[in-house]
Protein backbone atom coordinates (compact mmCIF):
# COMPACT_ATOMS: atom_id res chain seq x y z
CA UNK A 1 139.82 88.23 52.58
CA UNK A 2 143.65 89.90 52.96
CA UNK A 3 146.23 87.19 52.58
CA UNK A 4 148.30 88.11 54.88
CA UNK A 5 145.20 88.48 57.42
CA UNK A 6 143.73 84.86 55.82
CA UNK A 7 147.18 83.54 56.52
CA UNK A 8 147.13 84.76 60.61
CA UNK A 9 143.54 83.41 60.43
CA UNK A 10 144.53 79.88 59.29
CA UNK A 11 147.18 79.80 61.96
CA UNK A 12 144.99 80.92 64.76
CA UNK A 13 143.01 77.94 63.91
CA UNK A 14 145.60 75.33 63.90
CA UNK A 15 146.83 76.52 67.32
CA UNK A 16 143.41 76.08 68.11
CA UNK A 17 143.56 72.72 67.76
CA UNK A 18 146.42 71.69 68.75
CA UNK A 19 145.06 71.72 72.50
CA UNK A 20 142.76 69.71 70.74
CA UNK A 21 144.59 66.60 69.48
CA UNK A 22 145.36 64.30 72.19
CA UNK A 23 147.60 62.11 70.00
CA UNK A 24 149.72 65.58 69.54
CA UNK A 25 149.46 66.92 73.08
CA UNK A 26 150.76 63.32 74.40
CA UNK A 27 154.12 63.12 72.00
CA UNK A 28 154.95 66.21 73.53
CA UNK A 29 154.65 65.33 77.08
CA UNK A 30 156.33 62.23 76.28
CA UNK A 31 158.97 64.21 74.26
CA UNK A 32 158.98 66.76 77.92
CA UNK A 33 159.73 63.85 80.12
CA UNK A 34 161.93 62.14 77.80
CA UNK A 35 164.18 64.50 77.21
CA UNK A 36 164.67 66.39 80.35
CA UNK A 37 167.50 64.13 82.10
CA UNK A 38 169.40 63.82 79.12
CA UNK A 39 169.52 67.20 79.76
CA UNK A 40 168.54 68.26 76.27
CA UNK A 41 168.02 72.02 76.80
CA UNK A 42 172.05 72.42 77.58
CA UNK A 43 172.88 71.46 73.82
CA UNK A 44 172.48 74.51 72.29
CA UNK A 45 174.47 78.26 71.43
CA UNK A 46 172.86 81.37 70.67
CA UNK A 47 175.48 83.54 68.90
CA UNK A 48 178.40 81.23 70.23
CA UNK A 49 177.14 81.74 73.70
CA UNK A 50 175.55 78.53 75.28
CA UNK A 51 171.69 79.07 76.45
CA UNK A 52 170.17 76.41 78.69
CA UNK A 53 166.39 76.61 76.86
CA UNK A 54 164.61 74.41 74.35
CA UNK A 55 164.70 76.09 70.99
CA UNK A 56 160.64 76.36 71.08
CA UNK A 57 160.96 78.51 74.14
CA UNK A 58 163.49 80.82 72.58
CA UNK A 59 161.17 81.16 69.22
CA UNK A 60 158.32 82.22 72.12
CA UNK A 61 160.72 84.87 73.64
CA UNK A 62 161.65 86.31 70.34
CA UNK A 63 158.08 87.20 69.47
CA UNK A 64 157.08 88.16 72.59
CA UNK A 65 160.33 90.23 72.82
CA UNK A 66 159.25 91.78 69.13
CA UNK A 67 155.86 92.25 69.81
CA UNK A 68 156.47 94.14 72.84
CA UNK A 69 159.87 96.08 71.93
CA UNK A 70 160.81 96.26 75.52
CA UNK A 71 162.80 99.32 77.24
CA UNK A 72 164.35 96.87 79.63
CA UNK A 73 164.08 92.91 79.94
CA UNK A 74 165.37 91.59 83.94
CA UNK A 75 166.60 87.98 83.93
CA UNK A 76 166.87 86.24 87.15
CA UNK A 77 169.29 83.55 86.42
CA UNK A 78 172.51 84.38 84.05
CA UNK A 79 174.46 80.63 83.99
CA UNK A 80 176.36 80.96 80.68
CA UNK A 81 175.07 84.01 80.05
CA UNK A 82 173.31 83.19 76.63
CA UNK A 83 169.74 83.89 77.57
CA UNK A 84 171.01 87.61 78.07
CA UNK A 85 173.12 87.27 74.67
CA UNK A 86 169.87 86.12 73.30
CA UNK A 87 167.84 89.27 74.84
CA UNK A 88 170.51 91.60 74.18
CA UNK A 89 170.37 90.55 70.22
CA UNK A 90 166.39 91.21 69.99
CA UNK A 91 166.78 94.45 71.72
CA UNK A 92 169.84 95.38 68.90
CA UNK A 93 167.40 94.32 66.15
CA UNK A 94 164.60 96.48 67.34
CA UNK A 95 166.81 99.15 67.65
CA UNK A 96 166.76 102.53 70.02
CA UNK A 97 168.19 102.00 73.68
CA UNK A 98 166.82 98.84 75.05
CA UNK A 99 168.85 97.14 78.02
CA UNK A 100 169.13 94.00 79.62
CA UNK A 101 169.80 92.94 83.34
CA UNK A 102 170.81 89.75 84.61
CA UNK A 103 170.81 89.01 88.34
CA UNK A 104 172.49 85.48 89.96
CA UNK A 105 173.86 84.60 93.36
CA UNK A 106 176.83 83.09 91.81
CA UNK A 107 178.42 84.81 88.62
CA UNK A 108 181.13 82.65 87.93
CA UNK A 109 184.35 84.53 86.45
CA UNK A 110 184.95 82.25 83.27
CA UNK A 111 181.12 82.90 82.22
CA UNK A 112 181.39 86.57 83.13
CA UNK A 113 184.74 86.63 80.88
CA UNK A 114 182.65 85.12 77.75
CA UNK A 115 179.89 87.66 78.53
CA UNK A 116 181.54 90.30 79.04
CA UNK A 117 183.65 90.17 75.70
CA UNK A 118 180.30 89.34 73.34
CA UNK A 119 179.63 92.10 71.13
CA UNK A 120 176.00 91.97 72.79
CA UNK A 121 177.39 93.03 76.15
CA UNK A 122 177.12 96.85 75.09
CA UNK A 123 173.31 96.50 76.38
CA UNK A 124 173.80 93.88 79.34
CA UNK A 125 174.14 95.30 82.91
CA UNK A 126 174.88 92.11 85.79
CA UNK A 127 174.13 92.27 89.22
CA UNK A 128 175.29 89.41 91.35
CA UNK A 129 172.94 88.60 94.70
CA UNK A 130 170.19 86.90 95.47
CA UNK A 131 166.98 87.61 93.21
CA UNK A 132 164.98 87.58 96.33
CA UNK A 133 167.00 90.04 98.83
CA UNK A 134 165.53 93.24 99.16
CA UNK A 135 168.62 95.05 98.46
CA UNK A 136 169.19 93.42 95.08
CA UNK A 137 165.12 93.89 94.67
CA UNK A 138 165.84 97.87 95.11
CA UNK A 139 168.80 98.06 93.01
CA UNK A 140 166.83 96.28 89.60
CA UNK A 141 163.46 98.99 90.44
CA UNK A 142 166.18 101.94 90.40
CA UNK A 143 167.08 100.50 86.63
CA UNK A 144 163.50 100.24 85.74
CA UNK A 145 162.68 103.88 86.61
CA UNK A 146 161.09 105.60 83.37
CA UNK A 147 160.96 102.49 81.33
CA UNK A 148 158.59 102.52 79.68
CA UNK A 149 157.74 98.91 78.34
CA UNK A 150 159.37 96.40 80.99
CA UNK A 151 159.54 92.42 80.47
CA UNK A 152 160.76 89.72 82.98
CA UNK A 153 162.17 86.46 82.36
CA UNK A 154 162.03 84.34 85.94
CA UNK A 155 165.10 81.58 85.60
CA UNK A 156 166.93 81.01 88.98
CA UNK A 157 166.33 78.89 91.89
CA UNK A 158 162.92 76.77 91.19
CA UNK A 159 161.49 76.17 94.77
CA UNK A 160 158.10 77.34 95.47
CA UNK A 161 159.17 79.96 97.83
CA UNK A 162 161.60 81.69 95.75
CA UNK A 163 159.45 81.62 92.75
CA UNK A 164 156.69 83.32 94.63
CA UNK A 165 159.02 86.13 96.35
CA UNK A 166 160.44 86.56 92.92
CA UNK A 167 156.85 87.12 91.48
CA UNK A 168 156.16 89.01 94.09
CA UNK A 169 159.55 91.72 93.96
CA UNK A 170 159.15 92.01 89.99
CA UNK A 171 155.96 91.53 88.50
CA UNK A 172 155.10 94.94 89.72
CA UNK A 173 158.01 96.35 87.23
CA UNK A 174 156.09 94.40 84.26
CA UNK A 175 153.74 97.15 82.40
CA UNK A 176 150.74 96.22 80.61
CA UNK A 177 151.03 94.53 77.41
CA UNK A 178 153.78 93.35 78.17
CA UNK A 179 155.58 89.41 79.88
CA UNK A 180 156.20 87.71 83.05
CA UNK A 181 157.66 84.56 81.82
CA UNK A 182 158.32 81.74 84.66
CA UNK A 183 160.65 79.27 83.28
CA UNK A 184 160.59 75.40 84.52
CA UNK A 185 157.07 75.09 85.70
CA UNK A 186 156.88 71.73 83.77
CA UNK A 187 158.73 70.16 87.12
CA UNK A 188 155.29 70.17 88.03
CA UNK A 189 154.08 67.97 85.68
CA UNK A 190 157.09 65.38 85.72
CA UNK A 191 157.34 62.29 87.68
CA UNK A 192 157.65 62.20 90.94
CA UNK A 193 161.16 60.95 91.26
CA UNK A 194 162.47 62.99 88.56
CA UNK A 195 164.38 66.03 90.84
CA UNK A 196 165.43 63.75 94.05
CA UNK A 197 168.81 65.77 93.99
CA UNK A 198 166.83 68.83 93.60
CA UNK A 199 165.40 71.46 96.66
CA UNK A 200 162.58 70.91 94.35
CA UNK A 201 159.76 69.17 92.73
CA UNK A 202 156.18 68.31 92.37
CA UNK A 203 154.16 70.71 94.29
CA UNK A 204 156.74 72.79 95.53
CA UNK A 205 158.50 74.39 91.99
CA UNK A 206 157.25 77.68 89.82
CA UNK A 207 154.12 76.17 88.50
CA UNK A 208 152.94 76.21 92.48
CA UNK A 209 154.09 79.74 92.89
CA UNK A 210 152.48 81.10 89.83
CA UNK A 211 149.17 79.09 90.39
CA UNK A 212 149.34 80.84 94.29
CA UNK A 213 150.51 84.26 92.86
CA UNK A 214 147.59 84.58 90.40
CA UNK A 215 145.12 83.70 93.21
CA UNK A 216 145.77 87.04 94.36
CA UNK A 217 146.84 89.41 91.44
CA UNK A 218 144.60 90.09 88.48
CA UNK A 219 147.06 91.96 86.53
CA UNK A 220 148.53 88.85 84.82
CA UNK A 221 146.56 85.68 82.52
CA UNK A 222 148.28 82.74 81.87
CA UNK A 223 149.13 82.74 77.52
CA UNK A 224 146.92 79.79 76.73
CA UNK A 225 147.77 80.12 73.36
CA UNK A 226 151.28 80.23 73.05
CA UNK A 227 151.21 77.03 75.38
CA UNK A 228 149.14 75.27 72.51
CA UNK A 229 151.49 76.78 69.99
CA UNK A 230 154.20 75.42 71.40
CA UNK A 231 153.37 72.31 73.32
CA UNK A 232 157.13 71.46 73.66
CA UNK A 233 157.43 73.65 76.01
CA UNK A 234 159.61 74.21 79.99
CA UNK A 235 157.21 76.69 80.59
CA UNK A 236 153.47 75.80 81.16
CA UNK A 237 151.18 78.53 82.75
CA UNK A 238 154.42 80.20 83.17
CA UNK A 239 153.73 83.18 79.90
CA UNK A 240 152.02 85.52 81.99
CA UNK A 241 150.76 88.63 79.99
CA UNK A 242 150.15 91.62 81.51
CA UNK A 243 146.55 93.07 80.85
CA UNK A 244 146.53 95.91 83.37
């Protein structure tokens, strides 16, 4: 067998075995629970900009961006801007004219300044407003018009109703073979008392929104291989591949 193909096959087999390895799966689950309250995901930067993500999900994001090579990446939720910088840097490596569009209800001035002075800002556009406002959604559709490969990352308000509305608004923009990723679906798998100071929690979060969305939408399938590969991820059931 070709050594490249052989390596790929061995990797596939390892990933498949991960989901059957109870000790490994439980260790990953324990780590996710223990690392959430200490804000482990707040510890990292990308090209100097804070990115509130687990490194494992950052690796997954680069894999799907590199594979799809999107013309446009739409991101709801900006915060410090690290994810925008991350996506823009991937598009820079790929080459071409790909752009990143970020949407946030409150782009804080100090964060906007840092984003705008970054070298990757040349590939970034931002819209301030609610991602589930129909006027904002129409603006986003305008950005996506004519794009051949569109990818969407949802990482703003994490309540069921909000994420479900985002899924309804932005899933039609995702092109076949690309991805829609709903982050923080892990909320559903956390203890009941984990998010007492938040409007979301068990039964009311991105994962429950994804489950409801998939009941009536057959364009997307959960990428189970990605979950088995990562094990440590904030997005179980959240890596949705567009298959139609």
